[in-house]
N, C-alpha and C. Protein backbone atom coordinates (compact mmCIF):
# COMPACT_ATOMS: atom_id res chain seq x y z
N MET A 1 -1.59 -4.44 -26.22
CA MET A 1 -2.73 -4.41 -25.35
C MET A 1 -2.11 -4.00 -23.66
N ALA A 2 -2.82 -2.85 -23.34
CA ALA A 2 -2.40 -2.25 -21.89
C ALA A 2 -2.47 -2.96 -20.70
N LEU A 3 -1.73 -3.10 -19.53
CA LEU A 3 -1.81 -3.98 -18.50
C LEU A 3 -2.49 -3.55 -17.68
N THR A 4 -3.57 -4.63 -17.29
CA THR A 4 -5.09 -4.29 -16.31
C THR A 4 -4.42 -4.85 -14.98
N HIS A 5 -5.54 -4.52 -14.19
CA HIS A 5 -5.45 -4.76 -12.78
C HIS A 5 -5.50 -6.70 -12.62
N ASP A 6 -6.45 -7.07 -13.55
CA ASP A 6 -6.43 -8.46 -13.50
C ASP A 6 -5.13 -9.15 -14.01
N ASP A 7 -4.59 -8.55 -15.01
CA ASP A 7 -3.38 -8.98 -15.29
C ASP A 7 -2.48 -9.19 -14.51
N ILE A 8 -2.02 -7.91 -13.39
CA ILE A 8 -1.24 -7.72 -12.40
C ILE A 8 -1.57 -8.61 -11.43
N LYS A 9 -2.85 -8.76 -10.79
CA LYS A 9 -3.42 -9.99 -10.10
C LYS A 9 -3.00 -11.43 -10.41
N ALA A 10 -3.26 -11.57 -11.93
CA ALA A 10 -3.20 -13.25 -12.26
C ALA A 10 -1.49 -13.44 -12.23
N SER A 11 -0.57 -12.44 -12.42
CA SER A 11 0.70 -12.84 -12.62
C SER A 11 1.40 -13.00 -11.16
N LEU A 12 0.75 -11.99 -10.45
CA LEU A 12 1.22 -11.91 -8.92
C LEU A 12 0.86 -13.60 -8.46
N ASN A 13 -0.20 -13.81 -8.54
CA ASN A 13 -1.07 -15.22 -8.22
C ASN A 13 -0.23 -16.22 -8.46
N THR A 14 0.00 -16.20 -10.04
CA THR A 14 0.77 -17.13 -10.62
C THR A 14 2.09 -17.56 -10.09
N LYS A 15 2.85 -16.42 -9.68
CA LYS A 15 4.21 -16.51 -9.13
C LYS A 15 4.26 -16.86 -7.54
N PHE A 16 3.17 -16.11 -6.93
CA PHE A 16 3.30 -16.33 -5.22
C PHE A 16 2.46 -17.00 -4.71
N GLY A 17 1.35 -17.36 -5.07
CA GLY A 17 -0.04 -18.24 -4.85
C GLY A 17 -0.27 -17.32 -3.92
N GLU A 18 -0.58 -18.09 -2.57
CA GLU A 18 -1.39 -17.40 -1.66
C GLU A 18 -0.49 -16.85 -0.55
N GLN A 19 0.87 -16.50 -1.00
CA GLN A 19 1.84 -15.75 -0.07
C GLN A 19 1.24 -14.37 0.22
N LEU A 20 0.60 -13.62 -1.23
CA LEU A 20 0.40 -12.37 -0.78
C LEU A 20 -1.07 -12.27 -0.01
N ALA A 21 -0.90 -11.20 0.53
CA ALA A 21 -2.10 -10.99 1.35
C ALA A 21 -3.58 -10.84 1.27
N SER A 22 -3.48 -9.64 0.44
CA SER A 22 -4.90 -9.06 -0.20
C SER A 22 -4.26 -8.03 -1.20
N TYR A 23 -5.73 -7.76 -2.01
CA TYR A 23 -5.72 -6.71 -2.89
C TYR A 23 -7.02 -5.88 -2.78
N ASP A 24 -6.84 -4.64 -3.17
CA ASP A 24 -7.57 -3.46 -3.00
C ASP A 24 -7.20 -2.47 -4.06
N GLU A 25 -8.52 -1.99 -4.50
CA GLU A 25 -8.65 -0.93 -5.46
C GLU A 25 -9.31 0.72 -4.96
N SER A 26 -8.43 1.50 -5.04
CA SER A 26 -8.86 2.62 -4.29
C SER A 26 -8.71 3.75 -5.46
N TYR A 27 -9.55 4.65 -5.75
CA TYR A 27 -8.94 5.83 -6.56
C TYR A 27 -8.27 5.38 -7.99
N GLY A 28 -8.64 3.90 -8.61
CA GLY A 28 -8.43 3.55 -9.50
C GLY A 28 -6.87 3.06 -9.58
N MET A 29 -6.30 3.00 -8.31
CA MET A 29 -5.19 2.18 -8.29
C MET A 29 -5.10 1.08 -7.66
N LEU A 30 -4.23 -0.02 -8.23
CA LEU A 30 -4.39 -1.30 -7.58
C LEU A 30 -3.79 -1.42 -6.37
N CYS A 31 -3.64 -1.86 -5.31
CA CYS A 31 -3.09 -1.95 -4.13
C CYS A 31 -2.79 -3.46 -3.83
N ALA A 32 -1.67 -3.97 -3.74
CA ALA A 32 -1.08 -5.31 -3.27
C ALA A 32 -0.80 -5.21 -1.79
N THR A 33 -1.03 -5.91 -0.89
CA THR A 33 -0.73 -5.77 0.72
C THR A 33 0.15 -7.31 0.67
N ILE A 34 1.43 -7.16 0.72
CA ILE A 34 2.60 -8.24 0.87
C ILE A 34 3.17 -8.80 2.35
N PRO A 35 3.47 -9.70 2.44
CA PRO A 35 4.55 -9.98 3.59
C PRO A 35 5.58 -9.09 3.38
N ALA A 36 5.59 -8.64 4.77
CA ALA A 36 7.30 -7.71 4.86
C ALA A 36 8.28 -8.62 4.32
N ALA A 37 8.36 -10.08 4.66
CA ALA A 37 9.67 -11.00 4.29
C ALA A 37 9.49 -11.05 2.84
N LYS A 38 8.45 -10.82 2.03
CA LYS A 38 8.75 -11.04 0.56
C LYS A 38 9.13 -9.58 -0.30
N ASN A 39 8.91 -8.68 0.47
CA ASN A 39 8.85 -7.39 -0.51
C ASN A 39 9.88 -7.30 -1.60
N LEU A 40 11.34 -7.72 -1.19
CA LEU A 40 12.04 -7.37 -2.23
C LEU A 40 12.01 -8.80 -3.41
N GLU A 41 11.40 -9.74 -2.73
CA GLU A 41 11.33 -10.65 -4.32
C GLU A 41 10.04 -10.35 -4.98
N VAL A 42 8.95 -9.84 -4.50
CA VAL A 42 8.03 -9.50 -5.19
C VAL A 42 8.41 -8.45 -6.07
N ILE A 43 9.02 -7.10 -5.59
CA ILE A 43 9.11 -6.35 -6.15
C ILE A 43 10.06 -6.50 -7.54
N GLN A 44 11.28 -7.23 -7.24
CA GLN A 44 12.17 -7.56 -8.21
C GLN A 44 11.44 -8.35 -9.37
N PHE A 45 10.36 -9.11 -8.93
CA PHE A 45 9.64 -10.03 -9.97
C PHE A 45 8.86 -8.77 -10.90
N LEU A 46 8.30 -7.78 -10.10
CA LEU A 46 7.49 -6.92 -10.80
C LEU A 46 8.41 -6.03 -12.01
N TYR A 47 9.62 -5.95 -11.43
CA TYR A 47 10.61 -5.20 -12.22
C TYR A 47 11.24 -5.99 -13.35
N ASN A 48 11.71 -7.22 -13.25
CA ASN A 48 11.90 -8.03 -13.97
C ASN A 48 11.19 -8.75 -14.97
N ASP A 49 10.32 -9.04 -14.84
CA ASP A 49 8.96 -10.05 -15.65
C ASP A 49 8.76 -8.87 -16.60
N GLU A 50 8.86 -9.51 -17.99
CA GLU A 50 8.53 -8.75 -19.21
C GLU A 50 7.27 -8.27 -19.59
N LYS A 51 6.29 -9.12 -18.75
CA LYS A 51 4.64 -8.44 -18.96
C LYS A 51 4.54 -7.49 -17.91
N MET A 52 5.17 -7.31 -16.62
CA MET A 52 4.95 -6.35 -15.52
C MET A 52 5.59 -5.33 -15.88
N LYS A 53 6.77 -5.08 -16.15
CA LYS A 53 7.76 -4.16 -16.54
C LYS A 53 7.62 -3.01 -15.30
N PHE A 54 7.37 -3.12 -14.19
CA PHE A 54 7.00 -1.83 -13.29
C PHE A 54 8.66 -1.58 -12.68
N ARG A 55 9.13 -0.69 -13.84
CA ARG A 55 10.72 -0.25 -13.74
C ARG A 55 10.92 0.96 -13.18
N PHE A 56 9.81 1.73 -12.55
CA PHE A 56 10.19 3.05 -11.91
C PHE A 56 9.53 3.26 -10.44
N LEU A 57 10.25 3.68 -9.49
CA LEU A 57 9.67 3.52 -8.24
C LEU A 57 9.38 5.32 -8.00
N THR A 58 7.94 5.48 -8.27
CA THR A 58 7.63 6.77 -7.94
C THR A 58 7.64 7.04 -6.75
N ASP A 59 7.58 6.27 -5.41
CA ASP A 59 7.71 7.18 -4.13
C ASP A 59 7.70 5.60 -3.32
N LEU A 60 8.33 6.05 -2.02
CA LEU A 60 8.32 5.03 -0.98
C LEU A 60 8.27 5.59 0.39
N THR A 61 7.17 5.28 1.26
CA THR A 61 7.14 6.27 2.34
C THR A 61 6.60 4.81 3.65
N ALA A 62 6.57 5.59 4.80
CA ALA A 62 5.77 4.94 5.94
C ALA A 62 4.74 5.41 6.39
N ILE A 63 4.03 4.71 7.37
CA ILE A 63 2.59 5.15 7.80
C ILE A 63 2.55 4.59 9.34
N HIS A 64 2.29 5.40 10.13
CA HIS A 64 2.33 4.68 11.37
C HIS A 64 0.77 4.62 12.19
N TYR A 65 0.53 3.14 12.21
CA TYR A 65 -0.79 2.75 12.84
C TYR A 65 -0.80 2.36 14.26
N PRO A 66 -0.65 3.04 15.18
CA PRO A 66 -0.48 2.27 16.67
C PRO A 66 -1.34 1.45 17.15
N ASP A 67 -2.42 1.49 16.37
CA ASP A 67 -3.66 0.36 17.09
C ASP A 67 -3.32 -0.79 16.49
N ARG A 68 -2.89 -1.03 15.29
CA ARG A 68 -2.64 -2.44 14.74
C ARG A 68 -1.36 -3.05 15.32
N THR A 69 -2.14 -4.29 16.07
CA THR A 69 -0.78 -5.13 17.02
C THR A 69 -0.11 -5.68 15.92
N GLN A 70 1.25 -6.01 15.95
CA GLN A 70 2.37 -6.20 15.12
C GLN A 70 2.22 -5.99 13.61
N GLU A 71 1.63 -4.81 13.55
CA GLU A 71 1.62 -3.90 12.04
C GLU A 71 1.42 -2.67 12.37
N GLU A 72 2.46 -2.70 13.28
CA GLU A 72 2.29 -0.82 13.61
C GLU A 72 2.58 0.19 11.91
N LEU A 73 3.62 -0.39 11.54
CA LEU A 73 4.13 0.39 10.58
C LEU A 73 4.04 -0.25 9.35
N CYS A 74 3.64 0.80 8.46
CA CYS A 74 3.18 0.11 6.96
C CYS A 74 4.19 0.97 6.06
N VAL A 75 4.85 -0.05 5.25
CA VAL A 75 5.90 0.85 4.18
C VAL A 75 5.02 0.48 3.05
N VAL A 76 4.77 1.75 2.54
CA VAL A 76 4.28 1.85 1.02
C VAL A 76 5.17 2.25 0.00
N TYR A 77 5.02 1.45 -1.41
CA TYR A 77 5.58 1.53 -2.37
C TYR A 77 5.01 2.08 -3.48
N HIS A 78 5.01 2.92 -4.22
CA HIS A 78 4.48 3.26 -5.52
C HIS A 78 5.27 3.01 -6.87
N LEU A 79 4.67 1.97 -7.54
CA LEU A 79 5.76 1.73 -8.65
C LEU A 79 4.97 2.17 -10.18
N HIS A 80 5.78 2.41 -11.05
CA HIS A 80 4.81 2.64 -12.25
C HIS A 80 5.52 2.04 -13.60
N ASN A 81 4.52 1.46 -14.37
CA ASN A 81 5.19 0.69 -15.21
C ASN A 81 4.65 1.82 -16.78
N LEU A 82 6.07 2.52 -17.16
CA LEU A 82 5.95 3.80 -17.66
C LEU A 82 5.36 3.06 -19.49
N GLN A 83 5.65 2.25 -19.51
CA GLN A 83 5.15 1.97 -21.09
C GLN A 83 3.94 1.54 -21.22
N ASP A 84 3.26 0.95 -20.31
CA ASP A 84 1.71 0.87 -20.49
C ASP A 84 1.04 1.82 -19.60
N ASN A 85 1.66 3.06 -18.72
CA ASN A 85 1.15 3.92 -17.92
C ASN A 85 0.17 3.22 -17.00
N THR A 86 0.77 2.33 -16.17
CA THR A 86 0.17 1.66 -15.13
C THR A 86 0.48 1.81 -13.89
N ARG A 87 0.11 2.15 -12.80
CA ARG A 87 0.60 2.09 -11.36
C ARG A 87 0.21 1.37 -10.41
N LEU A 88 0.58 0.86 -9.50
CA LEU A 88 0.85 -0.20 -8.34
C LEU A 88 1.12 0.28 -7.29
N ARG A 89 0.49 0.17 -6.30
CA ARG A 89 0.67 0.41 -4.85
C ARG A 89 1.32 -0.89 -4.22
N ILE A 90 2.03 -0.86 -3.55
CA ILE A 90 2.44 -2.04 -2.66
C ILE A 90 2.52 -1.69 -1.20
N LYS A 91 1.88 -2.41 0.01
CA LYS A 91 1.83 -2.22 1.17
C LYS A 91 2.67 -3.50 1.81
N ALA A 92 3.23 -3.28 2.91
CA ALA A 92 4.02 -4.14 3.61
C ALA A 92 4.07 -3.86 4.99
N TYR A 93 3.40 -4.71 6.02
CA TYR A 93 3.43 -4.14 7.30
C TYR A 93 4.21 -4.86 8.40
N VAL A 94 5.01 -4.16 9.25
CA VAL A 94 6.39 -4.57 10.16
C VAL A 94 5.80 -3.99 11.48
N PRO A 95 6.18 -4.87 12.45
CA PRO A 95 6.01 -4.50 13.87
C PRO A 95 6.69 -3.49 14.30
N VAL A 96 6.49 -2.44 15.04
CA VAL A 96 7.21 -1.41 15.62
C VAL A 96 8.34 -1.82 16.64
N ALA A 97 8.35 -3.17 17.20
CA ALA A 97 9.37 -3.34 18.37
C ALA A 97 10.27 -4.07 17.14
N GLN A 98 10.28 -4.43 16.04
CA GLN A 98 11.05 -4.92 15.21
C GLN A 98 10.82 -4.48 13.80
N PRO A 99 11.19 -3.16 13.29
CA PRO A 99 10.44 -2.73 12.09
C PRO A 99 11.59 -2.89 10.67
N ASP A 100 11.98 -4.31 10.64
CA ASP A 100 12.82 -4.70 9.95
C ASP A 100 12.44 -5.30 8.33
N ILE A 101 12.70 -4.78 7.24
CA ILE A 101 12.31 -4.81 5.61
C ILE A 101 13.54 -5.04 5.03
N GLN A 102 13.54 -5.58 3.87
CA GLN A 102 14.85 -5.66 3.05
C GLN A 102 14.52 -4.06 2.03
N SER A 103 15.87 -3.78 1.98
CA SER A 103 15.88 -2.48 1.16
C SER A 103 15.92 -2.78 -0.32
N LEU A 104 15.21 -1.95 -1.02
CA LEU A 104 14.85 -2.01 -2.54
C LEU A 104 16.20 -1.35 -3.37
N THR A 105 17.13 -1.02 -2.64
CA THR A 105 18.60 -0.37 -3.39
C THR A 105 18.89 -1.32 -4.37
N PRO A 106 19.02 -2.74 -4.32
CA PRO A 106 19.53 -3.38 -5.24
C PRO A 106 18.50 -3.48 -6.31
N VAL A 107 17.57 -3.21 -6.62
CA VAL A 107 16.50 -3.26 -7.39
C VAL A 107 16.31 -1.58 -8.16
N PHE A 108 16.23 -0.59 -7.18
CA PHE A 108 15.98 0.67 -7.74
C PHE A 108 17.22 1.53 -6.78
N LYS A 109 18.13 2.35 -7.47
CA LYS A 109 19.00 3.08 -7.02
C LYS A 109 18.55 4.34 -6.25
N GLY A 110 17.32 4.57 -6.73
CA GLY A 110 16.75 5.84 -6.02
C GLY A 110 16.37 5.61 -4.65
N ALA A 111 15.96 4.43 -4.21
CA ALA A 111 15.34 4.03 -3.24
C ALA A 111 16.32 4.41 -1.92
N ASP A 112 17.65 4.60 -1.98
CA ASP A 112 18.36 5.12 -1.33
C ASP A 112 18.07 6.24 -0.51
N TRP A 113 17.67 7.36 -1.12
CA TRP A 113 17.22 8.17 -0.11
C TRP A 113 15.85 8.26 0.19
N LEU A 114 14.76 7.59 -0.28
CA LEU A 114 13.42 7.56 0.00
C LEU A 114 13.60 6.35 1.09
N GLU A 115 14.26 5.51 1.37
CA GLU A 115 14.22 4.34 2.41
C GLU A 115 15.07 5.30 3.70
N ARG A 116 16.16 5.91 3.31
CA ARG A 116 16.67 6.75 4.60
C ARG A 116 15.82 7.80 5.16
N GLU A 117 14.55 8.63 4.47
CA GLU A 117 13.88 9.44 4.99
C GLU A 117 12.70 8.61 5.82
N ALA A 118 12.45 7.18 5.38
CA ALA A 118 11.37 6.38 6.02
C ALA A 118 11.83 6.00 7.39
N TYR A 119 13.44 5.82 7.31
CA TYR A 119 13.68 5.30 8.52
C TYR A 119 14.17 6.63 9.53
N ASP A 120 14.52 7.77 8.81
CA ASP A 120 14.60 8.94 9.77
C ASP A 120 13.38 9.10 10.60
N PHE A 121 12.45 9.27 9.90
CA PHE A 121 11.03 9.88 10.59
C PHE A 121 10.41 8.71 11.08
N PHE A 122 10.48 7.44 10.77
CA PHE A 122 9.46 6.40 11.21
C PHE A 122 10.32 5.31 12.09
N GLY A 123 11.37 5.28 11.51
CA GLY A 123 12.29 4.16 12.38
C GLY A 123 12.43 2.86 11.79
N VAL A 124 11.87 2.64 10.34
CA VAL A 124 12.02 1.59 9.22
C VAL A 124 13.26 1.15 9.49
N ASN A 125 13.67 -0.12 9.78
CA ASN A 125 15.24 -0.47 9.37
C ASN A 125 15.39 -1.40 8.17
N PHE A 126 15.47 -0.50 7.06
CA PHE A 126 16.13 -1.41 5.70
C PHE A 126 17.33 -2.13 5.83
N LEU A 127 17.12 -3.21 6.16
CA LEU A 127 18.31 -4.45 6.08
C LEU A 127 18.74 -4.10 4.39
N GLY A 128 20.09 -4.25 4.60
CA GLY A 128 21.06 -4.23 3.53
C GLY A 128 21.38 -2.87 2.93
N HIS A 129 20.58 -1.68 3.48
CA HIS A 129 20.91 -0.48 2.86
C HIS A 129 22.05 0.05 2.88
N PRO A 130 22.78 0.55 1.82
CA PRO A 130 24.18 0.47 1.89
C PRO A 130 24.42 1.97 2.84
N ASN A 131 23.67 3.03 3.30
CA ASN A 131 24.25 3.90 4.15
C ASN A 131 22.84 4.37 4.91
N LEU A 132 22.22 3.74 5.82
CA LEU A 132 21.09 4.08 6.41
C LEU A 132 21.34 4.94 7.57
N ILE A 133 21.48 5.94 7.53
CA ILE A 133 21.59 7.03 8.38
C ILE A 133 20.48 8.09 8.45
N ARG A 134 20.36 8.87 9.20
CA ARG A 134 19.43 9.90 9.21
C ARG A 134 19.78 11.06 7.72
N ILE A 135 18.28 11.40 7.32
CA ILE A 135 18.66 12.32 6.28
C ILE A 135 18.40 13.68 6.29
N MET A 136 17.30 14.01 7.35
CA MET A 136 17.17 15.23 7.69
C MET A 136 17.22 15.73 9.05
N ASN A 137 17.12 14.76 9.89
CA ASN A 137 17.13 15.01 11.54
C ASN A 137 18.82 14.78 11.99
N VAL A 138 19.19 15.28 12.90
CA VAL A 138 20.15 15.11 13.54
C VAL A 138 20.27 13.70 13.90
N GLU A 139 21.64 12.96 14.00
CA GLU A 139 21.93 11.80 14.32
C GLU A 139 21.66 11.49 15.82
N GLU A 140 21.74 12.30 16.50
CA GLU A 140 21.58 12.08 17.87
C GLU A 140 20.12 12.11 18.52
N MET A 141 19.09 12.22 17.44
CA MET A 141 17.77 12.05 18.12
C MET A 141 17.20 10.66 18.27
N ASP A 142 16.84 10.43 19.54
CA ASP A 142 16.48 9.00 19.75
C ASP A 142 15.14 8.97 19.58
N TYR A 143 14.40 9.47 18.80
CA TYR A 143 13.06 8.91 18.66
C TYR A 143 12.74 9.35 16.95
N PHE A 144 11.49 9.00 16.62
CA PHE A 144 11.49 8.92 15.16
C PHE A 144 10.14 9.88 14.99
N PRO A 145 10.19 11.14 14.60
CA PRO A 145 9.09 12.24 14.86
C PRO A 145 7.92 12.09 14.30
N LEU A 146 7.66 11.33 13.06
CA LEU A 146 6.31 10.96 12.54
C LEU A 146 5.54 9.77 12.82
N ARG A 147 6.22 8.98 13.99
CA ARG A 147 5.16 8.39 14.75
C ARG A 147 4.18 8.95 15.48
N LYS A 148 3.00 8.31 15.47
CA LYS A 148 1.98 9.02 16.24
C LYS A 148 2.20 8.54 17.90
N GLU A 149 3.28 9.09 18.40
CA GLU A 149 3.52 8.73 19.68
C GLU A 149 3.43 9.66 20.64
N TYR A 150 3.52 10.98 20.10
CA TYR A 150 3.48 12.42 20.84
C TYR A 150 2.27 13.23 20.53
N PRO A 151 1.95 14.09 21.41
CA PRO A 151 0.84 15.02 21.09
C PRO A 151 1.35 15.98 19.91
N MET A 152 0.08 16.47 18.96
CA MET A 152 0.60 17.23 17.93
C MET A 152 0.78 18.42 18.45
N GLU A 153 0.53 19.26 19.65
CA GLU A 153 0.90 20.44 19.99
C GLU A 153 1.03 20.57 21.69
N ASP A 154 1.86 21.28 21.92
CA ASP A 154 1.98 21.31 23.75
C ASP A 154 0.72 21.98 24.04
N PRO A 155 -0.17 21.59 24.59
CA PRO A 155 -1.20 22.45 24.98
C PRO A 155 -1.27 23.77 26.04
N SER A 156 -0.21 23.73 26.58
CA SER A 156 0.25 24.68 27.73
C SER A 156 0.81 25.88 26.79
N ARG A 157 0.97 25.91 25.45
CA ARG A 157 1.56 27.20 24.61
C ARG A 157 0.27 28.22 24.53
N ARG A 158 0.64 29.60 25.05
CA ARG A 158 -0.36 30.44 24.95
C ARG A 158 -0.42 31.04 23.48
N ASP A 159 0.75 30.96 22.71
CA ASP A 159 0.73 31.48 21.15
C ASP A 159 0.15 30.44 20.38
N LYS A 160 -0.40 29.20 20.86
CA LYS A 160 -1.16 28.45 20.16
C LYS A 160 -2.65 28.56 20.35
N ASP A 161 -3.28 29.50 21.17
CA ASP A 161 -4.72 29.58 21.51
C ASP A 161 -5.32 29.82 20.58
N ASP A 162 -6.80 28.94 20.66
CA ASP A 162 -7.59 29.35 19.50
C ASP A 162 -8.12 30.60 19.08
N GLU A 163 -8.08 31.30 20.33
CA GLU A 163 -8.58 32.75 20.48
C GLU A 163 -7.52 33.58 19.42
N MET A 164 -6.48 33.11 19.69
CA MET A 164 -5.54 33.81 18.43
C MET A 164 -5.53 34.15 17.19
N PHE A 165 -6.46 32.88 16.61
CA PHE A 165 -6.54 32.76 15.55
C PHE A 165 -8.15 32.73 14.98
N GLY A 166 -8.82 33.67 15.98
CA GLY A 166 -10.23 33.61 15.71
C GLY A 166 -11.05 32.58 15.65
N ARG A 167 -10.77 31.49 16.37
CA ARG A 167 -11.46 30.21 16.45
C ARG A 167 -12.19 29.71 17.60
N GLY A 168 -12.18 30.81 18.89
CA GLY A 168 -12.68 30.91 19.88
C GLY A 168 -13.27 32.03 20.52
N GLY A 169 -13.69 31.92 21.67
CA GLY A 169 -14.16 33.14 22.22
C GLY A 169 -15.21 33.72 21.19
N SER A 170 -14.95 35.23 21.08
CA SER A 170 -15.59 36.19 20.50
C SER A 170 -15.24 36.17 19.01
N GLN A 171 -16.44 36.12 18.11
CA GLN A 171 -16.02 36.02 16.53
C GLN A 171 -16.36 37.34 16.23
N PHE A 172 -15.53 37.12 15.05
CA PHE A 172 -15.27 38.59 14.22
C PHE A 172 -16.19 38.79 12.92
N TYR A 173 -17.14 37.68 12.54
CA TYR A 173 -17.97 37.79 11.71
C TYR A 173 -19.71 37.74 11.99
């Protein structure tokens, strides 16, 4: 029998009770929002439990929500149960002032590079990571480029003027 969203919710609620924040279903995928302090414990359970069997980390990334006080950074995990072909999204929020969350490298060796990328671009500090250094940007960078703290384009640049791309001024059609 295939693993259902209700089965996943029931297992997580049985194991963690009211400690999990909430559930959501969008685009057919179950999403569980968990406390950041529980990320390693919850994901270790999902990996080890013989009913859950979420043993493949598809993706790990971060999102910056500058308007969410004390929850500015969201770490997003996509897990896959290959046996039942079931996917699960896990979200955990951390404050930008102290963006600490446990590393998943003890569970998934492949989390190594994904966590380094989230650190490099968003500044998420993965506690216990074996080599948390920048992976694409230079070590000397003192900012995290994918945070929404900077304007997307320099408005003074003439080469980025909309008229150069047919979006302003005279129209060609």
